[in-house]
Amino acid sequence: MRGNLPNISIGLHGEGMEYGMPFVVGGLAALVALAAGILAHVDPLTTLWRAALALVLGWVGANVWSVITSTGKMPEQESVEAIASPADVETS
């Protein structure tokens, strides 16, 4: 269950994998770990391991945060039929 987190679809012609907010948070954590390793002149293999660990921890942390803060209810969505068309509105 993704809750009400936004999805990002990557692919050709609208087809592709959907990446939710946990993946984005993990990716940003990995980029920060990579940048910190490069700026600190750390061994490249160690930097990659740290970035991979940051990716996993960011992904898991964002999923846990989503579960903790979710209300258990799906957001209400208005259907096309529920929206009144101008012809349905009474004029007086």
PDB file of N, CA and C in Angstrom:
ATOM      1  N   MET A   1       0.844  -1.167   0.000  1.00  0.00           N
ATOM      2  CA  MET A   1       0.000   0.000   0.000  1.00  0.00           C
ATOM      3  C   MET A   1       0.890   1.230   0.000  1.00  0.00           C
ATOM      4  N   ARG A   2       0.686   2.109  -0.948  1.00  0.00           N
ATOM      5  CA  ARG A   2       1.509   3.298  -1.066  1.00  0.00           C
ATOM      6  C   ARG A   2       0.916   4.495  -0.325  1.00  0.00           C
ATOM      7  N   GLY A   3      -0.316   4.411   0.102  1.00  0.00           N
ATOM      8  CA  GLY A   3      -0.918   5.552   0.768  1.00  0.00           C
ATOM      9  C   GLY A   3      -1.152   6.686  -0.213  1.00  0.00           C
ATOM     10  N   ASN A   4      -0.896   7.888   0.217  1.00  0.00           N
ATOM     11  CA  ASN A   4      -1.127   9.038  -0.664  1.00  0.00           C
ATOM     12  C   ASN A   4       0.181   9.656  -1.125  1.00  0.00           C
ATOM     13  N   LEU A   5       1.253   8.862  -1.200  1.00  0.00           N
ATOM     14  CA  LEU A   5       2.535   9.361  -1.670  1.00  0.00           C
ATOM     15  C   LEU A   5       2.504   9.504  -3.183  1.00  0.00           C
ATOM     16  N   PRO A   6       3.141  10.525  -3.734  1.00  0.00           N
ATOM     17  CA  PRO A   6       3.150  10.691  -5.185  1.00  0.00           C
ATOM     18  C   PRO A   6       4.015   9.629  -5.854  1.00  0.00           C
ATOM     19  N   ASN A   7       3.624   9.232  -7.040  1.00  0.00           N
ATOM     20  CA  ASN A   7       4.383   8.260  -7.811  1.00  0.00           C
ATOM     21  C   ASN A   7       5.046   8.947  -8.985  1.00  0.00           C
ATOM     22  N   ILE A   8       6.231   8.465  -9.328  1.00  0.00           N
ATOM     23  CA  ILE A   8       6.956   8.990 -10.469  1.00  0.00           C
ATOM     24  C   ILE A   8       7.078   7.855 -11.471  1.00  0.00           C
ATOM     25  N   SER A   9       6.567   8.035 -12.667  1.00  0.00           N
ATOM     26  CA  SER A   9       6.628   7.007 -13.688  1.00  0.00           C
ATOM     27  C   SER A   9       7.740   7.340 -14.664  1.00  0.00           C
ATOM     28  N   ILE A  10       8.657   6.399 -14.851  1.00  0.00           N
ATOM     29  CA  ILE A  10       9.781   6.609 -15.746  1.00  0.00           C
ATOM     30  C   ILE A  10       9.717   5.534 -16.829  1.00  0.00           C
ATOM     31  N   GLY A  11       9.723   5.937 -18.064  1.00  0.00           N
ATOM     32  CA  GLY A  11       9.699   4.982 -19.155  1.00  0.00           C
ATOM     33  C   GLY A  11       9.281   5.654 -20.448  1.00  0.00           C
ATOM     34  N   LEU A  12       9.259   4.879 -21.508  1.00  0.00           N
ATOM     35  CA  LEU A  12       8.851   5.392 -22.808  1.00  0.00           C
ATOM     36  C   LEU A  12       7.353   5.238 -22.983  1.00  0.00           C
ATOM     37  N   HIS A  13       6.721   6.233 -23.538  1.00  0.00           N
ATOM     38  CA  HIS A  13       5.300   6.204 -23.871  1.00  0.00           C
ATOM     39  C   HIS A  13       4.431   5.932 -22.649  1.00  0.00           C
ATOM     40  N   GLY A  14       4.818   6.428 -21.496  1.00  0.00           N
ATOM     41  CA  GLY A  14       4.011   6.262 -20.300  1.00  0.00           C
ATOM     42  C   GLY A  14       4.133   4.898 -19.642  1.00  0.00           C
ATOM     43  N   GLU A  15       4.889   3.995 -20.254  1.00  0.00           N
ATOM     44  CA  GLU A  15       5.057   2.675 -19.670  1.00  0.00           C
ATOM     45  C   GLU A  15       6.373   2.653 -18.917  1.00  0.00           C
ATOM     46  N   GLY A  16       6.353   2.125 -17.754  1.00  0.00           N
ATOM     47  CA  GLY A  16       7.592   2.062 -16.993  1.00  0.00           C
ATOM     48  C   GLY A  16       7.319   1.706 -15.553  1.00  0.00           C
ATOM     49  N   MET A  17       8.357   1.761 -14.778  1.00  0.00           N
ATOM     50  CA  MET A  17       8.244   1.439 -13.370  1.00  0.00           C
ATOM     51  C   MET A  17       7.814   2.691 -12.612  1.00  0.00           C
ATOM     52  N   GLU A  18       7.049   2.495 -11.570  1.00  0.00           N
ATOM     53  CA  GLU A  18       6.641   3.622 -10.744  1.00  0.00           C
ATOM     54  C   GLU A  18       7.523   3.665  -9.512  1.00  0.00           C
ATOM     55  N   TYR A  19       8.095   4.818  -9.257  1.00  0.00           N
ATOM     56  CA  TYR A  19       8.942   5.004  -8.098  1.00  0.00           C
ATOM     57  C   TYR A  19       8.228   5.941  -7.141  1.00  0.00           C
ATOM     58  N   GLY A  20       8.040   5.490  -5.916  1.00  0.00           N
ATOM     59  CA  GLY A  20       7.362   6.309  -4.931  1.00  0.00           C
ATOM     60  C   GLY A  20       8.345   7.169  -4.151  1.00  0.00           C
ATOM     61  N   MET A  21       7.824   7.867  -3.186  1.00  0.00           N
ATOM     62  CA  MET A  21       8.625   8.774  -2.378  1.00  0.00           C
ATOM     63  C   MET A  21       9.758   8.063  -1.629  1.00  0.00           C
ATOM     64  N   PRO A  22       9.582   6.834  -1.106  1.00  0.00           N
ATOM     65  CA  PRO A  22      10.710   6.175  -0.438  1.00  0.00           C
ATOM     66  C   PRO A  22      11.926   5.994  -1.344  1.00  0.00           C
ATOM     67  N   PHE A  23      11.672   5.717  -2.615  1.00  0.00           N
ATOM     68  CA  PHE A  23      12.797   5.558  -3.542  1.00  0.00           C
ATOM     69  C   PHE A  23      13.499   6.889  -3.782  1.00  0.00           C
ATOM     70  N   VAL A  24      12.727   7.959  -3.847  1.00  0.00           N
ATOM     71  CA  VAL A  24      13.312   9.290  -4.046  1.00  0.00           C
ATOM     72  C   VAL A  24      14.150   9.688  -2.831  1.00  0.00           C
ATOM     73  N   VAL A  25      13.623   9.437  -1.631  1.00  0.00           N
ATOM     74  CA  VAL A  25      14.357   9.768  -0.408  1.00  0.00           C
ATOM     75  C   VAL A  25      15.648   8.950  -0.326  1.00  0.00           C
ATOM     76  N   GLY A  26      15.571   7.661  -0.624  1.00  0.00           N
ATOM     77  CA  GLY A  26      16.765   6.818  -0.619  1.00  0.00           C
ATOM     78  C   GLY A  26      17.782   7.257  -1.659  1.00  0.00           C
ATOM     79  N   GLY A  27      17.307   7.659  -2.832  1.00  0.00           N
ATOM     80  CA  GLY A  27      18.208   8.143  -3.881  1.00  0.00           C
ATOM     81  C   GLY A  27      18.922   9.422  -3.490  1.00  0.00           C
ATOM     82  N   LEU A  28      18.181  10.325  -2.853  1.00  0.00           N
ATOM     83  CA  LEU A  28      18.814  11.562  -2.385  1.00  0.00           C
ATOM     84  C   LEU A  28      19.852  11.281  -1.297  1.00  0.00           C
ATOM     85  N   ALA A  29      19.542  10.345  -0.407  1.00  0.00           N
ATOM     86  CA  ALA A  29      20.506   9.968   0.628  1.00  0.00           C
ATOM     87  C   ALA A  29      21.765   9.364   0.005  1.00  0.00           C
ATOM     88  N   ALA A  30      21.591   8.562  -1.040  1.00  0.00           N
ATOM     89  CA  ALA A  30      22.743   7.967  -1.723  1.00  0.00           C
ATOM     90  C   ALA A  30      23.581   9.039  -2.415  1.00  0.00           C
ATOM     91  N   LEU A  31      22.935  10.020  -3.038  1.00  0.00           N
ATOM     92  CA  LEU A  31      23.675  11.104  -3.686  1.00  0.00           C
ATOM     93  C   LEU A  31      24.467  11.925  -2.674  1.00  0.00           C
ATOM     94  N   VAL A  32      23.873  12.175  -1.518  1.00  0.00           N
ATOM     95  CA  VAL A  32      24.580  12.912  -0.472  1.00  0.00           C
ATOM     96  C   VAL A  32      25.783  12.104   0.018  1.00  0.00           C
ATOM     97  N   ALA A  33      25.613  10.790   0.190  1.00  0.00           N
ATOM     98  CA  ALA A  33      26.722   9.944   0.627  1.00  0.00           C
ATOM     99  C   ALA A  33      27.835   9.916  -0.417  1.00  0.00           C
ATOM    100  N   LEU A  34      27.463   9.855  -1.698  1.00  0.00           N
ATOM    101  CA  LEU A  34      28.472   9.881  -2.758  1.00  0.00           C
ATOM    102  C   LEU A  34      29.230  11.207  -2.771  1.00  0.00           C
ATOM    103  N   ALA A  35      28.504  12.293  -2.667  1.00  0.00           N
ATOM    104  CA  ALA A  35      29.145  13.614  -2.680  1.00  0.00           C
ATOM    105  C   ALA A  35      30.068  13.778  -1.477  1.00  0.00           C
ATOM    106  N   ALA A  36      29.635  13.331  -0.317  1.00  0.00           N
ATOM    107  CA  ALA A  36      30.466  13.445   0.886  1.00  0.00           C
ATOM    108  C   ALA A  36      31.730  12.609   0.756  1.00  0.00           C
ATOM    109  N   GLY A  37      31.602  11.428   0.187  1.00  0.00           N
ATOM    110  CA  GLY A  37      32.767  10.573  -0.005  1.00  0.00           C
ATOM    111  C   GLY A  37      33.766  11.157  -0.995  1.00  0.00           C
ATOM    112  N   ILE A  38      33.258  11.757  -2.051  1.00  0.00           N
ATOM    113  CA  ILE A  38      34.139  12.374  -3.054  1.00  0.00           C
ATOM    114  C   ILE A  38      34.845  13.588  -2.470  1.00  0.00           C
ATOM    115  N   LEU A  39      34.083  14.421  -1.760  1.00  0.00           N
ATOM    116  CA  LEU A  39      34.685  15.629  -1.185  1.00  0.00           C
ATOM    117  C   LEU A  39      35.693  15.310  -0.085  1.00  0.00           C
ATOM    118  N   ALA A  40      35.506  14.185   0.604  1.00  0.00           N
ATOM    119  CA  ALA A  40      36.421  13.808   1.686  1.00  0.00           C
ATOM    120  C   ALA A  40      37.576  12.943   1.184  1.00  0.00           C
ATOM    121  N   HIS A  41      37.653  12.691  -0.109  1.00  0.00           N
ATOM    122  CA  HIS A  41      38.714  11.883  -0.719  1.00  0.00           C
ATOM    123  C   HIS A  41      38.785  10.487  -0.105  1.00  0.00           C
ATOM    124  N   VAL A  42      37.609   9.851   0.041  1.00  0.00           N
ATOM    125  CA  VAL A  42      37.518   8.491   0.571  1.00  0.00           C
ATOM    126  C   VAL A  42      37.697   7.524  -0.586  1.00  0.00           C
ATOM    127  N   ASP A  43      38.147   6.321  -0.269  1.00  0.00           N
ATOM    128  CA  ASP A  43      38.335   5.264  -1.260  1.00  0.00           C
ATOM    129  C   ASP A  43      37.037   5.071  -2.060  1.00  0.00           C
ATOM    130  N   PRO A  44      37.113   4.946  -3.387  1.00  0.00           N
ATOM    131  CA  PRO A  44      35.894   4.835  -4.205  1.00  0.00           C
ATOM    132  C   PRO A  44      35.003   3.645  -3.834  1.00  0.00           C
ATOM    133  N   LEU A  45      35.590   2.505  -3.537  1.00  0.00           N
ATOM    134  CA  LEU A  45      34.780   1.339  -3.181  1.00  0.00           C
ATOM    135  C   LEU A  45      34.036   1.573  -1.862  1.00  0.00           C
ATOM    136  N   THR A  46      34.713   2.188  -0.913  1.00  0.00           N
ATOM    137  CA  THR A  46      34.069   2.519   0.362  1.00  0.00           C
ATOM    138  C   THR A  46      32.943   3.524   0.150  1.00  0.00           C
ATOM    139  N   THR A  47      33.155   4.479  -0.735  1.00  0.00           N
ATOM    140  CA  THR A  47      32.130   5.465  -1.037  1.00  0.00           C
ATOM    141  C   THR A  47      30.893   4.806  -1.648  1.00  0.00           C
ATOM    142  N   LEU A  48      31.099   3.850  -2.553  1.00  0.00           N
ATOM    143  CA  LEU A  48      29.973   3.148  -3.165  1.00  0.00           C
ATOM    144  C   LEU A  48      29.212   2.311  -2.139  1.00  0.00           C
ATOM    145  N   TRP A  49      29.929   1.662  -1.231  1.00  0.00           N
ATOM    146  CA  TRP A  49      29.266   0.883  -0.179  1.00  0.00           C
ATOM    147  C   TRP A  49      28.438   1.793   0.721  1.00  0.00           C
ATOM    148  N   ARG A  50      28.993   2.943   1.049  1.00  0.00           N
ATOM    149  CA  ARG A  50      28.262   3.890   1.900  1.00  0.00           C
ATOM    150  C   ARG A  50      27.023   4.427   1.180  1.00  0.00           C
ATOM    151  N   ALA A  51      27.143   4.673  -0.119  1.00  0.00           N
ATOM    152  CA  ALA A  51      25.995   5.154  -0.889  1.00  0.00           C
ATOM    153  C   ALA A  51      24.911   4.080  -0.979  1.00  0.00           C
ATOM    154  N   ALA A  52      25.316   2.824  -1.175  1.00  0.00           N
ATOM    155  CA  ALA A  52      24.348   1.729  -1.221  1.00  0.00           C
ATOM    156  C   ALA A  52      23.638   1.576   0.125  1.00  0.00           C
ATOM    157  N   LEU A  53      24.397   1.689   1.201  1.00  0.00           N
ATOM    158  CA  LEU A  53      23.802   1.611   2.534  1.00  0.00           C
ATOM    159  C   LEU A  53      22.845   2.779   2.767  1.00  0.00           C
ATOM    160  N   ALA A  54      23.222   3.970   2.322  1.00  0.00           N
ATOM    161  CA  ALA A  54      22.350   5.144   2.463  1.00  0.00           C
ATOM    162  C   ALA A  54      21.069   4.975   1.652  1.00  0.00           C
ATOM    163  N   LEU A  55      21.174   4.387   0.462  1.00  0.00           N
ATOM    164  CA  LEU A  55      20.000   4.135  -0.365  1.00  0.00           C
ATOM    165  C   LEU A  55      19.027   3.214   0.349  1.00  0.00           C
ATOM    166  N   VAL A  56      19.532   2.120   0.886  1.00  0.00           N
ATOM    167  CA  VAL A  56      18.675   1.144   1.564  1.00  0.00           C
ATOM    168  C   VAL A  56      18.076   1.749   2.831  1.00  0.00           C
ATOM    169  N   LEU A  57      18.905   2.418   3.629  1.00  0.00           N
ATOM    170  CA  LEU A  57      18.400   3.007   4.868  1.00  0.00           C
ATOM    171  C   LEU A  57      17.380   4.119   4.599  1.00  0.00           C
ATOM    172  N   GLY A  58      17.614   4.929   3.561  1.00  0.00           N
ATOM    173  CA  GLY A  58      16.658   5.968   3.206  1.00  0.00           C
ATOM    174  C   GLY A  58      15.346   5.388   2.727  1.00  0.00           C
ATOM    175  N   TRP A  59      15.417   4.312   1.938  1.00  0.00           N
ATOM    176  CA  TRP A  59      14.212   3.660   1.437  1.00  0.00           C
ATOM    177  C   TRP A  59      13.415   3.042   2.584  1.00  0.00           C
ATOM    178  N   VAL A  60      14.109   2.318   3.463  1.00  0.00           N
ATOM    179  CA  VAL A  60      13.441   1.682   4.602  1.00  0.00           C
ATOM    180  C   VAL A  60      12.881   2.749   5.553  1.00  0.00           C
ATOM    181  N   GLY A  61      13.682   3.769   5.825  1.00  0.00           N
ATOM    182  CA  GLY A  61      13.228   4.824   6.722  1.00  0.00           C
ATOM    183  C   GLY A  61      12.002   5.549   6.207  1.00  0.00           C
ATOM    184  N   ALA A  62      11.967   5.833   4.915  1.00  0.00           N
ATOM    185  CA  ALA A  62      10.802   6.517   4.337  1.00  0.00           C
ATOM    186  C   ALA A  62       9.568   5.619   4.365  1.00  0.00           C
ATOM    187  N   ASN A  63       9.749   4.320   4.156  1.00  0.00           N
ATOM    188  CA  ASN A  63       8.614   3.398   4.250  1.00  0.00           C
ATOM    189  C   ASN A  63       8.090   3.311   5.672  1.00  0.00           C
ATOM    190  N   VAL A  64       8.990   3.244   6.648  1.00  0.00           N
ATOM    191  CA  VAL A  64       8.571   3.195   8.050  1.00  0.00           C
ATOM    192  C   VAL A  64       7.844   4.490   8.417  1.00  0.00           C
ATOM    193  N   TRP A  65       8.383   5.626   7.987  1.00  0.00           N
ATOM    194  CA  TRP A  65       7.741   6.910   8.259  1.00  0.00           C
ATOM    195  C   TRP A  65       6.348   6.962   7.633  1.00  0.00           C
ATOM    196  N   SER A  66       6.209   6.424   6.439  1.00  0.00           N
ATOM    197  CA  SER A  66       4.920   6.406   5.763  1.00  0.00           C
ATOM    198  C   SER A  66       3.909   5.565   6.544  1.00  0.00           C
ATOM    199  N   VAL A  67       4.347   4.440   7.067  1.00  0.00           N
ATOM    200  CA  VAL A  67       3.451   3.576   7.841  1.00  0.00           C
ATOM    201  C   VAL A  67       3.056   4.252   9.155  1.00  0.00           C
ATOM    202  N   ILE A  68       4.008   4.889   9.805  1.00  0.00           N
ATOM    203  CA  ILE A  68       3.730   5.534  11.088  1.00  0.00           C
ATOM    204  C   ILE A  68       2.766   6.703  10.919  1.00  0.00           C
ATOM    205  N   THR A  69       2.947   7.487   9.876  1.00  0.00           N
ATOM    206  CA  THR A  69       2.137   8.694   9.710  1.00  0.00           C
ATOM    207  C   THR A  69       0.856   8.475   8.918  1.00  0.00           C
ATOM    208  N   SER A  70       0.645   7.286   8.378  1.00  0.00           N
ATOM    209  CA  SER A  70      -0.568   7.057   7.591  1.00  0.00           C
ATOM    210  C   SER A  70      -1.766   6.915   8.522  1.00  0.00           C
ATOM    211  N   THR A  71      -2.918   7.324   8.028  1.00  0.00           N
ATOM    212  CA  THR A  71      -4.139   7.248   8.821  1.00  0.00           C
ATOM    213  C   THR A  71      -4.897   5.959   8.572  1.00  0.00           C
ATOM    214  N   GLY A  72      -4.491   5.219   7.584  1.00  0.00           N
ATOM    215  CA  GLY A  72      -5.181   3.985   7.250  1.00  0.00           C
ATOM    216  C   GLY A  72      -6.320   4.173   6.273  1.00  0.00           C
ATOM    217  N   LYS A  73      -6.605   5.398   5.912  1.00  0.00           N
ATOM    218  CA  LYS A  73      -7.676   5.687   4.964  1.00  0.00           C
ATOM    219  C   LYS A  73      -7.074   6.142   3.644  1.00  0.00           C
ATOM    220  N   MET A  74      -7.676   5.700   2.583  1.00  0.00           N
ATOM    221  CA  MET A  74      -7.265   6.165   1.270  1.00  0.00           C
ATOM    222  C   MET A  74      -7.901   7.530   1.031  1.00  0.00           C
ATOM    223  N   PRO A  75      -7.199   8.440   0.362  1.00  0.00           N
ATOM    224  CA  PRO A  75      -7.796   9.751   0.092  1.00  0.00           C
ATOM    225  C   PRO A  75      -9.006   9.607  -0.827  1.00  0.00           C
ATOM    226  N   GLU A  76     -10.022  10.418  -0.557  1.00  0.00           N
ATOM    227  CA  GLU A  76     -11.221  10.362  -1.379  1.00  0.00           C
ATOM    228  C   GLU A  76     -10.929  10.980  -2.744  1.00  0.00           C
ATOM    229  N   GLN A  77     -11.399  10.292  -3.755  1.00  0.00           N
ATOM    230  CA  GLN A  77     -11.194  10.790  -5.112  1.00  0.00           C
ATOM    231  C   GLN A  77     -12.561  11.069  -5.722  1.00  0.00           C
ATOM    232  N   GLU A  78     -12.662  12.211  -6.349  1.00  0.00           N
ATOM    233  CA  GLU A  78     -13.912  12.542  -7.028  1.00  0.00           C
ATOM    234  C   GLU A  78     -13.962  11.821  -8.356  1.00  0.00           C
ATOM    235  N   SER A  79     -15.057  11.146  -8.595  1.00  0.00           N
ATOM    236  CA  SER A  79     -15.209  10.479  -9.878  1.00  0.00           C
ATOM    237  C   SER A  79     -15.787  11.464 -10.879  1.00  0.00           C
ATOM    238  N   VAL A  80     -15.680  11.125 -12.122  1.00  0.00           N
ATOM    239  CA  VAL A  80     -16.190  11.993 -13.179  1.00  0.00           C
ATOM    240  C   VAL A  80     -17.704  12.108 -13.061  1.00  0.00           C
ATOM    241  N   GLU A  81     -18.376  11.032 -12.648  1.00  0.00           N
ATOM    242  CA  GLU A  81     -19.823  11.053 -12.530  1.00  0.00           C
ATOM    243  C   GLU A  81     -20.277  11.939 -11.365  1.00  0.00           C
ATOM    244  N   ALA A  82     -19.439  12.098 -10.338  1.00  0.00           N
ATOM    245  CA  ALA A  82     -19.831  12.874  -9.163  1.00  0.00           C
ATOM    246  C   ALA A  82     -19.797  14.377  -9.426  1.00  0.00           C
ATOM    247  N   ILE A  83     -19.076  14.791 -10.434  1.00  0.00           N
ATOM    248  CA  ILE A  83     -18.989  16.214 -10.756  1.00  0.00           C
ATOM    249  C   ILE A  83     -20.167  16.574 -11.648  1.00  0.00           C
ATOM    250  N   ALA A  84     -20.949  17.544 -11.211  1.00  0.00           N
ATOM    251  CA  ALA A  84     -22.138  17.929 -11.976  1.00  0.00           C
ATOM    252  C   ALA A  84     -21.730  18.672 -13.237  1.00  0.00           C
ATOM    253  N   SER A  85     -22.378  18.318 -14.321  1.00  0.00           N
ATOM    254  CA  SER A  85     -22.113  19.036 -15.562  1.00  0.00           C
ATOM    255  C   SER A  85     -23.007  20.264 -15.615  1.00  0.00           C
ATOM    256  N   PRO A  86     -22.674  21.251 -16.440  1.00  0.00           N
ATOM    257  CA  PRO A  86     -23.500  22.464 -16.525  1.00  0.00           C
ATOM    258  C   PRO A  86     -24.945  22.165 -16.928  1.00  0.00           C
ATOM    259  N   ALA A  87     -25.189  21.107 -17.650  1.00  0.00           N
ATOM    260  CA  ALA A  87     -26.565  20.775 -18.070  1.00  0.00           C
ATOM    261  C   ALA A  87     -27.391  20.265 -16.895  1.00  0.00           C
ATOM    262  N   ASP A  88     -26.744  19.697 -15.868  1.00  0.00           N
ATOM    263  CA  ASP A  88     -27.455  19.158 -14.711  1.00  0.00           C
ATOM    264  C   ASP A  88     -27.838  20.242 -13.703  1.00  0.00           C
ATOM    265  N   VAL A  89     -27.231  21.408 -13.781  1.00  0.00           N
ATOM    266  CA  VAL A  89     -27.491  22.461 -12.811  1.00  0.00           C
ATOM    267  C   VAL A  89     -28.783  23.169 -13.172  1.00  0.00           C
ATOM    268  N   GLU A  90     -29.678  23.318 -12.157  1.00  0.00           N
ATOM    269  CA  GLU A  90     -30.942  24.013 -12.396  1.00  0.00           C
ATOM    270  C   GLU A  90     -30.728  25.509 -12.418  1.00  0.00           C
ATOM    271  N   THR A  91     -31.333  26.154 -13.336  1.00  0.00           N
ATOM    272  CA  THR A  91     -31.272  27.619 -13.375  1.00  0.00           C
ATOM    273  C   THR A  91     -32.631  28.149 -12.987  1.00  0.00           C
ATOM    274  N   SER A  92     -32.664  29.192 -12.166  1.00  0.00           N
ATOM    275  CA  SER A  92     -33.953  29.748 -11.750  1.00  0.00           C
ATOM    276  C   SER A  92     -34.061  31.208 -12.077  1.00  0.00           C
TER     277      SER A  92
END
